[in-house]
Amino acid sequence: MSRPITCTRAASLAVLRKVRRTCRVHATAAEPRRRTNGTALQEKPTQSIAESSTTHRLTMASVFQAFPQLQTAAPRLTRRLFVCRPCLNGPARTSPVRRSPHQPSVLKQVRWKSTQPLRSSAASIESSLSEVGVKSKAGSRSWPETSSSSVAYWLVGSAASVFGIVIFGGLTRLTESGLSITEWRPVTGSLPPMNQADWESEFTKYKASPEFKQLNASMTLPEFKQIYFMEWAHRVWGRVIGLTFLVPTAYFIARRRVTPSMAWKLTGICGMIGFQGVIGWWMVKSGLKDDLFAEGSHPRVSQYRLTAHLGAAFAVYCSMLLTGLGILKEHRMLADPKKAAEWVETIRQPALRIFRGSVVGLTLLVFTTAMSGALVAGLDAGLIYNEFPYMGLGLTPPKKELFDPFYSHVSDQSDLWWRNMLENPSLVQLDHRILATTTFTAVLSFFAYTRFSKSVRSKLPKDAKKGVMGLVHLVSLQAALGISTLIYMVPTWLAAAHQAGALALLTGAVVLYSRISMPRRAILSRITSKPHAPKSAMAQPLRSRIATAQAEPQKL
């Protein structure tokens, strides 16, 4: 390997070996002449030049012997010195790069030794950071062990929105606004009529419905606008819930913010929301055709489809709420694994297993009672027997009224009992009364069991005790609302409050179940294993590597 030698490099090499010889030879060969005012200057004797050169060499040699380090530093200190005119005027020369066999200078050794620990530490930190970066990059492409807490808050917020639309849907039914829009356009129907011609067109379509012909023949356009906006707002709210759930679901799954099982759950809830929209139109469609009604009957939607629509809404709500509460619970358990492990050991007690099963049974009972209430609403069964606890002259109507052959559709009357249970308003109201009373009694009995059973009372967590007490308050309020709705012949605001109370009672049961349910196996394995090292110890491997690098022998 070679490189061109500049005049500075030539001067530096001359200082190390024969500082003045090259310049003396050039000076002798050139024999410069000085001229002043046109006359030639006298040449200096060669002997004087040689003597001065010898004296200079002796001086430089003595200096280098006294200060050997100066000989090493001379090329850098005299970078621009000892440059003669022939070196400046001559062509650039190339010579192989020679590495000095001498030891490094004192300054270089001191600098090397002083910066060795810092360089070792920097190298260790750089390698550690590169490893962490590789792991984090690989981890970003993998599924997490626990879903993000933001997913939980989003699910709880979505559940609150579903709660609101359920209540608003009840108001839409109570104001008889559900049949005002006779078409189902999921995309183009998002905007209401924008001008008078559009309003006239929608009103003309409504005039062809059985509800207008038999009940609202004298309705005007301003009155139609009121019920139209009720149904339109209900549909738009449903579309907003679908979009605000579908888009974040795709985002959380794409960014790996949820576990694989949670991704499937969210996808299933998205499917339930879409199915709920289809059921809604299927329900409305049942009230728009004349062939679905008996002659002289009141135009209304099918009670079966209304119950399916409400049941699907309740299922979506419970799925969102229970899933969100489960994620928050996992984060609380991972924040304090020791306390969580103690809680798991407590929940695994046989007495609390019975308690947990009882909560599941109560939840199903509340849901069934709410669905029987949907049958009552679909048949307007709340408008008869407006007294409590009696139904007419006794606690129940006469048997002939309860099992009326009018509701049987076959000649042998094999469907008499179940047709009357689902289509006879008198028996449907009696069924709802029985289920509501059973639910009220079951909740109070459950509360007494948790208070007077020593095995349960001593081991039941504090938050579960509060959940049981909240369930008692909710069921008492719901019973009062139901009786008031019946006695006052179903006023709109009271009936809507009764429907909200049913969903609130179901919420209390779901929250209580989430507080005493067992976590996932992955969470159990993490909280029951050995406790993790504290955060201060996580950096110990890096510090130990730095200390090892500092303790190693310094290599020059």
Protein backbone atom coordinates (compact mmCIF):
# COMPACT_ATOMS: atom_id res chain seq x y z
CA MET A 1 0.00 0.00 0.00
CA SER A 2 1.44 3.41 -0.96
CA ARG A 3 0.31 6.98 -1.00
CA PRO A 4 1.70 10.24 -2.41
CA ILE A 5 4.08 12.09 -0.13
CA THR A 6 3.46 15.78 0.07
CA CYS A 7 6.06 18.29 1.03
CA THR A 8 4.82 18.21 4.63
CA ARG A 9 5.33 14.46 4.77
CA ALA A 10 8.84 14.78 3.29
CA ALA A 11 9.77 17.38 5.89
CA SER A 12 8.45 15.17 8.73
CA LEU A 13 10.52 12.18 7.60
CA ALA A 14 13.56 14.42 7.24
CA VAL A 15 13.23 15.51 10.86
CA LEU A 16 13.22 11.90 12.10
CA ARG A 17 16.32 10.72 10.24
CA LYS A 18 18.51 13.20 8.40
CA VAL A 19 16.90 16.48 8.95
CA ARG A 20 19.20 18.78 7.10
CA ARG A 21 20.92 16.47 4.63
CA THR A 22 18.25 16.62 1.93
CA CYS A 23 17.88 20.37 2.14
CA ARG A 24 21.71 20.78 2.10
CA VAL A 25 22.02 18.64 -1.02
CA HIS A 26 19.28 20.60 -2.74
CA ALA A 27 20.88 23.83 -1.70
CA THR A 28 24.29 22.73 -3.04
CA ALA A 29 22.90 21.42 -6.33
CA ALA A 30 20.82 24.46 -7.02
CA GLU A 31 23.57 27.04 -6.21
CA PRO A 32 21.17 29.93 -5.95
CA ARG A 33 22.32 33.38 -6.91
CA ARG A 34 21.05 36.48 -5.31
CA ARG A 35 20.89 39.63 -7.29
CA THR A 36 20.51 43.04 -5.82
CA ASN A 37 20.10 46.13 -8.06
CA GLY A 38 21.18 44.09 -11.11
CA THR A 39 24.41 42.72 -9.55
CA ALA A 40 25.04 39.08 -8.56
CA LEU A 41 25.51 38.32 -4.91
CA GLN A 42 28.55 36.54 -3.74
CA GLU A 43 28.13 32.80 -3.15
CA LYS A 44 28.51 31.46 0.36
CA PRO A 45 31.37 29.08 0.83
CA THR A 46 30.45 25.41 0.78
CA GLN A 47 32.49 24.80 3.91
CA SER A 48 30.41 27.23 5.98
CA ILE A 49 27.22 25.53 4.83
CA ALA A 50 28.56 22.09 5.71
CA GLU A 51 29.74 23.27 9.12
CA SER A 52 26.36 24.82 9.91
CA SER A 53 24.59 21.64 8.81
CA THR A 54 26.83 19.46 10.97
CA THR A 55 26.26 21.70 13.97
CA HIS A 56 22.49 21.58 13.42
CA ARG A 57 22.51 17.79 13.17
CA LEU A 58 24.45 17.48 16.44
CA THR A 59 22.00 19.83 18.13
CA MET A 60 18.95 17.88 16.89
CA ALA A 61 20.55 14.54 17.83
CA SER A 62 21.28 15.74 21.34
CA VAL A 63 17.71 17.01 21.67
CA PHE A 64 16.27 13.68 20.49
CA GLN A 65 18.53 11.77 22.91
CA ALA A 66 17.42 13.93 25.81
CA PHE A 67 13.75 13.77 24.82
CA PRO A 68 13.09 10.50 22.95
CA GLN A 69 9.36 11.19 22.90
CA LEU A 70 9.99 14.33 20.87
CA GLN A 71 11.25 12.17 18.03
CA THR A 72 7.83 10.45 17.91
CA ALA A 73 5.90 13.69 18.12
CA ALA A 74 8.09 15.57 15.66
CA PRO A 75 6.15 14.58 12.51
CA ARG A 76 2.98 16.06 14.00
CA LEU A 77 4.57 19.05 15.71
CA THR A 78 6.60 20.05 12.63
CA ARG A 79 3.98 19.32 10.02
CA ARG A 80 4.58 22.60 8.16
CA LEU A 81 8.31 23.13 8.99
CA PHE A 82 11.53 22.23 7.12
CA VAL A 83 10.05 22.55 3.66
CA CYS A 84 12.64 23.47 1.06
CA ARG A 85 12.07 25.05 -2.30
CA PRO A 86 13.00 21.94 -4.40
CA CYS A 87 10.42 19.93 -2.38
CA LEU A 88 7.83 22.56 -3.13
CA ASN A 89 8.66 22.71 -6.85
CA GLY A 90 9.39 19.02 -7.40
CA PRO A 91 6.81 16.37 -8.39
CA ALA A 92 4.94 14.40 -5.70
CA ARG A 93 6.57 11.09 -4.80
CA THR A 94 5.00 7.88 -3.56
CA SER A 95 6.49 5.57 -1.01
CA PRO A 96 5.13 2.63 0.98
CA VAL A 97 3.49 3.43 4.28
CA ARG A 98 5.79 2.45 7.11
CA ARG A 99 4.48 1.78 10.53
CA SER A 100 6.76 2.74 13.34
CA PRO A 101 7.97 -0.22 15.43
CA HIS A 102 8.34 2.05 18.43
CA GLN A 103 5.98 2.06 21.40
CA PRO A 104 3.13 4.63 21.39
CA SER A 105 3.68 7.92 23.04
CA VAL A 106 3.02 8.60 26.69
CA LEU A 107 0.06 10.80 25.84
CA LYS A 108 -1.40 8.11 23.63
CA GLN A 109 -0.93 5.44 26.31
CA VAL A 110 -2.54 7.63 28.95
CA ARG A 111 -5.42 8.44 26.67
CA TRP A 112 -5.87 4.77 25.75
CA LYS A 113 -5.86 3.60 29.37
CA SER A 114 -8.17 6.35 30.57
CA THR A 115 -10.79 5.72 27.89
CA GLN A 116 -10.67 1.92 27.96
CA PRO A 117 -13.44 1.46 30.60
CA LEU A 118 -15.64 3.98 28.83
CA ARG A 119 -15.18 2.26 25.49
CA SER A 120 -15.89 -1.14 27.04
CA SER A 121 -19.04 0.16 28.69
CA ALA A 122 -20.19 1.78 25.47
CA ALA A 123 -19.61 -1.45 23.55
CA SER A 124 -21.56 -3.46 26.14
CA ILE A 125 -24.43 -0.98 26.17
CA GLU A 126 -24.53 -0.90 22.39
CA SER A 127 -24.67 -4.70 22.18
CA SER A 128 -27.38 -4.84 24.85
CA LEU A 129 -29.45 -2.19 23.11
CA SER A 130 -29.09 -4.01 19.82
CA GLU A 131 -30.32 -7.22 21.47
CA VAL A 132 -33.25 -5.37 23.03
CA GLY A 133 -34.04 -3.76 19.69
CA VAL A 134 -34.03 -7.12 17.93
CA LYS A 135 -36.27 -8.62 20.61
CA SER A 136 -38.68 -5.68 20.54
CA LYS A 137 -38.81 -5.77 16.77
CA ALA A 138 -39.54 -9.48 16.83
CA GLY A 139 -42.04 -8.98 19.66
CA SER A 140 -43.91 -6.32 17.73
CA ARG A 141 -44.76 -8.94 15.14
CA SER A 142 -45.98 -11.47 17.73
CA TRP A 143 -49.16 -11.66 19.79
CA PRO A 144 -49.03 -10.31 23.35
CA GLU A 145 -49.84 -12.40 26.39
CA THR A 146 -52.36 -9.83 27.64
CA SER A 147 -54.56 -7.45 25.70
CA SER A 148 -53.96 -3.73 26.06
CA SER A 149 -55.90 -1.81 28.69
CA SER A 150 -57.02 0.62 25.99
CA VAL A 151 -58.94 -2.27 24.43
CA ALA A 152 -60.73 -2.79 27.74
CA TYR A 153 -61.78 0.85 28.05
CA TRP A 154 -62.94 0.86 24.45
CA LEU A 155 -65.06 -2.26 25.08
CA VAL A 156 -66.65 -0.77 28.19
CA GLY A 157 -67.41 2.43 26.27
CA SER A 158 -68.97 0.42 23.44
CA ALA A 159 -71.09 -1.45 25.97
CA ALA A 160 -72.32 1.86 27.37
CA SER A 161 -73.32 2.92 23.85
CA VAL A 162 -75.24 -0.34 23.40
CA PHE A 163 -76.98 0.30 26.73
CA GLY A 164 -78.12 3.68 25.42
CA ILE A 165 -79.41 2.36 22.12
CA VAL A 166 -81.41 -0.35 23.90
CA ILE A 167 -83.22 2.30 25.94
CA PHE A 168 -83.72 4.47 22.87
CA GLY A 169 -85.07 1.48 20.97
CA GLY A 170 -87.61 0.97 23.74
CA LEU A 171 -88.72 4.57 23.35
CA THR A 172 -89.02 4.06 19.60
CA ARG A 173 -91.35 1.12 20.19
CA LEU A 174 -93.39 2.88 22.88
CA THR A 175 -93.99 5.90 20.62
CA GLU A 176 -94.94 3.54 17.75
CA SER A 177 -92.22 5.01 15.55
CA GLY A 178 -90.57 1.77 14.47
CA LEU A 179 -92.67 1.27 11.33
CA SER A 180 -92.31 4.82 9.99
CA ILE A 181 -89.40 3.90 7.67
CA THR A 182 -90.58 1.21 5.28
CA GLU A 183 -87.22 0.53 3.58
CA TRP A 184 -83.88 -0.75 4.74
CA ARG A 185 -80.93 1.02 3.10
CA PRO A 186 -77.83 0.52 5.25
CA VAL A 187 -75.71 3.01 3.25
CA THR A 188 -77.96 5.43 1.39
CA GLY A 189 -80.47 5.56 4.23
CA SER A 190 -78.04 7.28 6.58
CA LEU A 191 -79.38 10.72 5.63
CA PRO A 192 -82.95 11.87 6.31
CA PRO A 193 -85.11 13.48 3.61
CA MET A 194 -83.51 16.79 2.66
CA ASN A 195 -86.39 18.58 0.89
CA GLN A 196 -90.17 18.65 0.72
CA ALA A 197 -90.33 16.24 -2.20
CA ASP A 198 -88.35 13.63 -0.28
CA TRP A 199 -90.63 14.01 2.73
CA GLU A 200 -93.71 13.57 0.59
CA SER A 201 -92.20 10.44 -0.94
CA GLU A 202 -91.48 8.89 2.46
CA PHE A 203 -94.92 9.80 3.75
CA THR A 204 -96.54 8.18 0.72
CA LYS A 205 -94.67 4.95 1.42
CA TYR A 206 -95.83 5.00 5.02
CA LYS A 207 -99.45 5.49 3.95
CA ALA A 208 -99.30 2.08 2.27
CA SER A 209 -98.44 0.34 5.56
CA PRO A 210 -101.08 -1.44 7.69
CA GLU A 211 -100.27 0.78 10.67
CA PHE A 212 -101.30 3.95 8.83
CA LYS A 213 -104.45 2.39 7.37
CA GLN A 214 -105.78 1.01 10.65
CA LEU A 215 -104.33 3.33 13.30
CA ASN A 216 -102.95 6.58 11.87
CA ALA A 217 -105.20 7.42 8.95
CA SER A 218 -105.54 11.02 10.15
CA MET A 219 -101.79 11.59 10.62
CA THR A 220 -100.32 14.76 9.08
CA LEU A 221 -96.86 15.29 7.63
CA PRO A 222 -95.47 17.16 10.69
CA GLU A 223 -96.62 14.29 12.91
CA PHE A 224 -95.01 11.81 10.54
CA LYS A 225 -91.72 13.70 10.76
CA GLN A 226 -91.64 13.20 14.53
CA ILE A 227 -91.93 9.42 14.40
CA TYR A 228 -89.66 9.29 11.34
CA PHE A 229 -86.81 11.03 13.15
CA MET A 230 -87.16 8.65 16.10
CA GLU A 231 -86.68 5.59 13.91
CA TRP A 232 -83.99 7.28 11.79
CA ALA A 233 -81.95 8.22 14.88
CA HIS A 234 -82.24 4.65 16.17
CA ARG A 235 -80.92 3.22 12.91
CA VAL A 236 -78.10 5.74 12.59
CA TRP A 237 -77.04 5.05 16.17
CA GLY A 238 -76.83 1.37 15.34
CA ARG A 239 -74.64 2.09 12.30
CA VAL A 240 -72.35 4.28 14.41
CA ILE A 241 -71.94 1.47 16.94
CA GLY A 242 -71.06 -0.92 14.13
CA LEU A 243 -68.43 1.39 12.61
CA THR A 244 -66.90 2.38 15.94
CA PHE A 245 -66.49 -1.29 16.79
CA LEU A 246 -65.40 -2.70 13.43
CA VAL A 247 -62.67 -0.15 12.67
CA PRO A 248 -60.94 -0.29 16.10
CA THR A 249 -61.16 -4.09 16.03
CA ALA A 250 -59.24 -4.17 12.75
CA TYR A 251 -56.70 -1.70 14.15
CA PHE A 252 -56.09 -3.59 17.41
CA ILE A 253 -55.70 -6.90 15.59
CA ALA A 254 -53.39 -5.44 12.93
CA ARG A 255 -51.17 -3.77 15.55
CA ARG A 256 -51.12 -6.88 17.78
CA ARG A 257 -52.68 -5.10 20.75
CA VAL A 258 -54.81 -8.12 21.69
CA THR A 259 -54.21 -11.81 22.33
CA PRO A 260 -55.20 -14.37 19.65
CA SER A 261 -58.22 -15.50 21.68
CA MET A 262 -59.27 -11.89 22.18
CA ALA A 263 -58.98 -11.29 18.44
CA TRP A 264 -61.46 -14.09 17.83
CA LYS A 265 -63.79 -12.69 20.51
CA LEU A 266 -63.76 -9.24 18.96
CA THR A 267 -64.40 -10.71 15.53
CA GLY A 268 -67.34 -12.64 16.94
CA ILE A 269 -68.81 -9.50 18.51
CA CYS A 270 -68.49 -7.74 15.14
CA GLY A 271 -70.49 -10.57 13.59
CA MET A 272 -73.11 -10.28 16.33
CA ILE A 273 -73.48 -6.54 15.66
CA GLY A 274 -74.02 -7.15 11.95
CA PHE A 275 -76.48 -9.93 12.70
CA GLN A 276 -78.32 -7.60 15.07
CA GLY A 277 -78.88 -5.13 12.24
CA VAL A 278 -80.33 -7.88 10.06
CA ILE A 279 -82.65 -8.98 12.88
CA GLY A 280 -83.79 -5.38 13.32
CA TRP A 281 -84.93 -5.09 9.72
CA TRP A 282 -86.43 -8.59 9.88
CA MET A 283 -88.47 -7.41 12.87
CA VAL A 284 -89.64 -4.20 11.18
CA LYS A 285 -90.57 -6.11 8.05
CA SER A 286 -93.00 -8.22 10.08
CA GLY A 287 -95.13 -5.13 10.73
CA LEU A 288 -95.32 -3.95 7.12
CA LYS A 289 -97.21 -6.82 5.49
CA ASP A 290 -100.96 -7.40 5.71
CA ASP A 291 -100.70 -11.16 5.31
CA LEU A 292 -98.88 -11.48 8.65
CA PHE A 293 -101.90 -10.25 10.62
CA ALA A 294 -105.21 -11.84 11.36
CA GLU A 295 -108.26 -9.95 10.19
CA GLY A 296 -109.09 -7.14 12.59
CA SER A 297 -105.88 -7.48 14.63
CA HIS A 298 -103.70 -4.62 15.80
CA PRO A 299 -100.76 -3.94 13.42
CA ARG A 300 -97.51 -4.55 15.30
CA VAL A 301 -94.21 -6.31 14.83
CA SER A 302 -93.92 -9.99 15.64
CA GLN A 303 -93.31 -10.60 19.34
CA TYR A 304 -90.93 -13.41 18.41
CA ARG A 305 -88.78 -11.13 16.28
CA LEU A 306 -88.95 -8.35 18.86
CA THR A 307 -87.69 -10.77 21.51
CA ALA A 308 -84.91 -11.97 19.21
CA HIS A 309 -83.91 -8.35 18.51
CA LEU A 310 -83.79 -7.46 22.21
CA GLY A 311 -82.04 -10.71 23.12
CA ALA A 312 -79.32 -10.10 20.51
CA ALA A 313 -78.80 -6.58 21.87
CA PHE A 314 -78.48 -7.95 25.41
CA ALA A 315 -76.01 -10.58 24.21
CA VAL A 316 -73.85 -7.98 22.45
CA TYR A 317 -73.92 -5.77 25.54
CA CYS A 318 -72.94 -8.57 27.93
CA SER A 319 -70.16 -9.76 25.61
CA MET A 320 -68.60 -6.30 25.40
CA LEU A 321 -68.92 -5.63 29.11
CA LEU A 322 -67.65 -9.01 30.31
CA THR A 323 -64.70 -8.96 27.89
CA GLY A 324 -63.64 -5.45 28.87
CA LEU A 325 -63.90 -6.17 32.59
CA GLY A 326 -61.88 -9.34 32.11
CA ILE A 327 -58.97 -7.44 30.53
CA LEU A 328 -58.95 -4.86 33.32
CA LYS A 329 -58.97 -7.66 35.87
CA GLU A 330 -55.96 -9.31 34.24
CA HIS A 331 -53.99 -6.07 34.40
CA ARG A 332 -54.79 -5.65 38.09
CA MET A 333 -53.68 -9.20 38.81
CA LEU A 334 -50.41 -8.81 36.91
CA ALA A 335 -49.70 -5.55 38.74
CA ASP A 336 -49.65 -7.43 42.08
CA PRO A 337 -48.97 -11.15 41.40
CA LYS A 338 -48.60 -12.05 45.07
CA LYS A 339 -52.00 -10.66 46.02
CA ALA A 340 -53.52 -12.20 42.90
CA ALA A 341 -52.15 -15.63 43.81
CA GLU A 342 -53.73 -15.39 47.26
CA TRP A 343 -57.02 -14.35 45.66
CA VAL A 344 -56.95 -17.35 43.31
CA GLU A 345 -56.38 -19.73 46.21
CA THR A 346 -59.38 -18.21 47.98
CA ILE A 347 -61.66 -18.46 44.95
CA ARG A 348 -60.74 -22.12 44.48
CA GLN A 349 -62.40 -23.03 47.78
CA PRO A 350 -65.35 -25.47 47.35
CA ALA A 351 -67.79 -23.10 49.03
CA LEU A 352 -66.98 -20.31 46.59
CA ARG A 353 -67.32 -22.67 43.66
CA ILE A 354 -70.96 -23.08 44.63
CA PHE A 355 -71.20 -19.31 44.95
CA ARG A 356 -69.81 -18.86 41.45
CA GLY A 357 -72.27 -21.35 40.00
CA SER A 358 -75.12 -19.56 41.75
CA VAL A 359 -74.11 -16.27 40.13
CA VAL A 360 -74.23 -17.91 36.70
CA GLY A 361 -77.70 -19.25 37.44
CA LEU A 362 -78.92 -15.83 38.59
CA THR A 363 -77.57 -14.21 35.43
CA LEU A 364 -79.45 -16.67 33.22
CA LEU A 365 -82.61 -16.15 35.28
CA VAL A 366 -82.42 -12.37 34.89
CA PHE A 367 -81.90 -12.74 31.13
CA THR A 368 -84.87 -15.11 30.81
CA THR A 369 -87.10 -12.74 32.77
CA ALA A 370 -86.10 -9.85 30.50
CA MET A 371 -86.95 -11.91 27.40
CA SER A 372 -90.37 -12.71 28.84
CA GLY A 373 -90.81 -8.97 29.28
CA ALA A 374 -90.09 -8.55 25.56
CA LEU A 375 -92.97 -10.93 24.82
CA VAL A 376 -95.20 -8.83 27.08
CA ALA A 377 -94.18 -5.67 25.19
CA GLY A 378 -94.68 -7.28 21.78
CA LEU A 379 -98.22 -8.39 22.65
CA ASP A 380 -99.13 -5.25 24.65
CA ALA A 381 -99.91 -7.63 27.48
CA GLY A 382 -99.18 -4.94 30.04
CA LEU A 383 -102.44 -3.22 29.18
CA ILE A 384 -104.53 -5.97 30.78
CA TYR A 385 -104.85 -6.94 34.44
CA ASN A 386 -103.40 -3.66 35.69
CA GLU A 387 -103.20 -4.70 39.31
CA PHE A 388 -100.79 -6.56 41.51
CA PRO A 389 -100.54 -9.21 42.90
CA TYR A 390 -104.02 -10.20 41.72
CA MET A 391 -105.10 -10.82 38.14
CA GLY A 392 -108.82 -10.28 38.22
CA LEU A 393 -110.50 -12.17 41.01
CA GLY A 394 -107.50 -14.28 41.95
CA LEU A 395 -103.78 -14.57 41.71
CA THR A 396 -104.18 -16.09 38.23
CA PRO A 397 -106.83 -15.76 35.50
CA PRO A 398 -109.24 -18.64 34.86
CA LYS A 399 -107.75 -21.75 33.29
CA LYS A 400 -109.91 -21.46 30.18
CA GLU A 401 -108.51 -18.00 29.55
CA LEU A 402 -104.95 -19.13 30.05
CA PHE A 403 -105.20 -22.05 27.60
CA ASP A 404 -107.57 -20.77 24.96
CA PRO A 405 -108.04 -23.03 21.89
CA PHE A 406 -108.19 -19.86 19.77
CA TYR A 407 -104.39 -19.73 19.68
CA SER A 408 -103.95 -23.31 18.49
CA HIS A 409 -103.11 -23.69 14.79
CA VAL A 410 -103.62 -27.44 14.38
CA SER A 411 -106.75 -29.53 14.56
CA ASP A 412 -105.55 -31.87 17.30
CA GLN A 413 -104.49 -28.86 19.42
CA SER A 414 -101.08 -30.36 20.14
CA ASP A 415 -99.60 -26.87 20.18
CA LEU A 416 -102.15 -25.53 22.65
CA TRP A 417 -99.87 -25.12 25.64
CA TRP A 418 -96.82 -23.53 24.02
CA ARG A 419 -98.87 -21.33 21.67
CA ASN A 420 -100.72 -19.88 24.64
CA MET A 421 -97.46 -19.40 26.57
CA LEU A 422 -96.00 -17.32 23.72
CA GLU A 423 -99.06 -15.72 22.09
CA ASN A 424 -101.82 -15.47 24.71
CA PRO A 425 -101.43 -12.05 26.43
CA SER A 426 -102.95 -13.28 29.69
CA LEU A 427 -100.63 -16.26 30.04
CA VAL A 428 -97.62 -14.27 28.79
CA GLN A 429 -98.17 -11.68 31.52
CA LEU A 430 -98.60 -14.42 34.12
CA ASP A 431 -95.35 -16.02 32.97
CA HIS A 432 -93.54 -12.72 33.32
CA ARG A 433 -94.96 -12.20 36.80
CA ILE A 434 -93.84 -15.67 37.86
CA LEU A 435 -90.34 -15.21 36.45
CA ALA A 436 -89.98 -11.73 37.96
CA THR A 437 -91.10 -12.95 41.38
CA THR A 438 -88.73 -15.91 41.12
CA THR A 439 -85.84 -13.61 40.25
CA PHE A 440 -86.61 -11.30 43.16
CA THR A 441 -86.84 -14.20 45.60
CA ALA A 442 -83.69 -15.84 44.24
CA VAL A 443 -81.61 -12.68 44.66
CA LEU A 444 -82.79 -12.18 48.23
CA SER A 445 -82.10 -15.84 49.03
CA PHE A 446 -78.67 -15.53 47.50
CA PHE A 447 -77.97 -12.49 49.65
CA ALA A 448 -79.05 -14.38 52.78
CA TYR A 449 -76.81 -17.29 51.79
CA THR A 450 -73.75 -15.05 51.56
CA ARG A 451 -74.56 -13.38 54.90
CA PHE A 452 -75.44 -16.36 57.07
CA SER A 453 -73.17 -19.05 55.64
CA LYS A 454 -69.92 -18.92 57.62
CA SER A 455 -67.93 -20.79 54.97
CA VAL A 456 -68.90 -18.22 52.35
CA ARG A 457 -68.94 -15.07 54.46
CA SER A 458 -65.41 -15.61 55.81
CA LYS A 459 -63.84 -16.32 52.42
CA LEU A 460 -65.84 -14.14 50.06
CA PRO A 461 -63.77 -11.19 48.72
CA LYS A 462 -64.85 -7.71 49.69
CA ASP A 463 -65.68 -6.61 46.15
CA ALA A 464 -67.90 -9.68 45.71
CA LYS A 465 -69.83 -8.79 48.87
CA LYS A 466 -70.42 -5.31 47.46
CA GLY A 467 -71.58 -6.86 44.20
CA VAL A 468 -74.17 -8.99 46.00
CA MET A 469 -75.47 -5.96 47.88
CA GLY A 470 -75.70 -4.00 44.63
CA LEU A 471 -77.66 -6.85 43.08
CA VAL A 472 -80.18 -6.68 45.93
CA HIS A 473 -80.66 -2.94 45.40
CA LEU A 474 -81.10 -3.32 41.65
CA VAL A 475 -83.63 -6.14 41.87
CA SER A 476 -85.66 -4.20 44.44
CA LEU A 477 -85.71 -1.13 42.19
CA GLN A 478 -86.65 -3.22 39.18
CA ALA A 479 -89.55 -4.86 41.02
CA ALA A 480 -90.88 -1.46 42.03
CA LEU A 481 -90.61 -0.17 38.45
CA GLY A 482 -92.37 -3.23 37.06
CA ILE A 483 -95.30 -3.00 39.45
CA SER A 484 -95.62 0.75 38.85
CA THR A 485 -95.58 0.26 35.08
CA LEU A 486 -98.36 -2.29 35.33
CA ILE A 487 -100.56 -0.29 37.70
CA TYR A 488 -100.29 2.96 35.71
CA MET A 489 -101.01 1.18 32.41
CA VAL A 490 -97.58 1.45 30.82
CA PRO A 491 -96.72 5.16 30.61
CA THR A 492 -93.88 5.80 28.18
CA TRP A 493 -91.28 7.11 30.60
CA LEU A 494 -92.02 4.47 33.23
CA ALA A 495 -91.93 1.63 30.71
CA ALA A 496 -88.57 2.88 29.39
CA ALA A 497 -87.24 3.05 32.95
CA HIS A 498 -88.43 -0.52 33.55
CA GLN A 499 -86.53 -1.70 30.48
CA ALA A 500 -83.43 0.18 31.62
CA GLY A 501 -83.79 -1.42 35.05
CA ALA A 502 -83.80 -4.87 33.48
CA LEU A 503 -80.54 -4.17 31.68
CA ALA A 504 -79.06 -2.60 34.82
CA LEU A 505 -79.93 -5.72 36.82
CA LEU A 506 -78.29 -7.87 34.18
CA THR A 507 -75.26 -5.58 34.35
CA GLY A 508 -75.00 -6.12 38.10
CA ALA A 509 -75.06 -9.89 37.63
CA VAL A 510 -72.37 -9.72 34.92
CA VAL A 511 -70.13 -7.48 37.02
CA LEU A 512 -70.50 -9.81 40.00
CA TYR A 513 -69.54 -12.78 37.85
CA SER A 514 -66.48 -10.98 36.50
CA ARG A 515 -65.30 -10.35 40.06
CA ILE A 516 -65.34 -14.01 41.10
CA SER A 517 -64.53 -15.74 37.80
CA MET A 518 -61.22 -17.53 37.33
CA PRO A 519 -58.65 -15.89 35.03
CA ARG A 520 -57.20 -17.48 31.93
CA ARG A 521 -54.61 -20.24 32.17
CA ALA A 522 -51.88 -17.96 30.85
CA ILE A 523 -52.55 -15.46 33.63
CA LEU A 524 -52.75 -18.23 36.23
CA SER A 525 -49.37 -19.59 35.18
CA ARG A 526 -47.80 -16.15 35.49
CA ILE A 527 -49.20 -15.22 38.89
CA THR A 528 -48.65 -18.66 40.45
CA SER A 529 -45.05 -18.97 39.27
CA LYS A 530 -42.03 -17.49 41.04
CA PRO A 531 -42.22 -13.74 41.47
CA HIS A 532 -40.44 -11.68 38.88
CA ALA A 533 -37.34 -9.68 39.70
CA PRO A 534 -37.92 -6.02 40.49
CA LYS A 535 -37.29 -3.42 37.88
CA SER A 536 -33.97 -2.38 39.47
CA ALA A 537 -32.65 -5.90 39.00
CA MET A 538 -33.58 -6.03 35.35
CA ALA A 539 -30.54 -3.91 34.51
CA GLN A 540 -28.19 -6.14 36.56
CA PRO A 541 -26.93 -8.22 33.60
CA LEU A 542 -25.94 -5.06 31.76
CA ARG A 543 -24.15 -3.65 34.80
CA SER A 544 -22.35 -6.91 35.42
CA ARG A 545 -21.10 -6.92 31.85
CA ILE A 546 -19.84 -3.36 32.26
CA ALA A 547 -18.06 -4.28 35.50
CA THR A 548 -16.50 -7.32 33.83
CA ALA A 549 -15.28 -5.18 30.96
CA GLN A 550 -13.69 -2.76 33.42
CA ALA A 551 -12.00 -5.57 35.35
CA GLU A 552 -10.42 -7.15 32.27
CA PRO A 553 -6.70 -6.46 31.72
CA GLN A 554 -6.10 -3.40 29.64
CA LYS A 555 -4.75 -4.26 26.21
CA LEU A 556 -2.78 -1.73 24.28
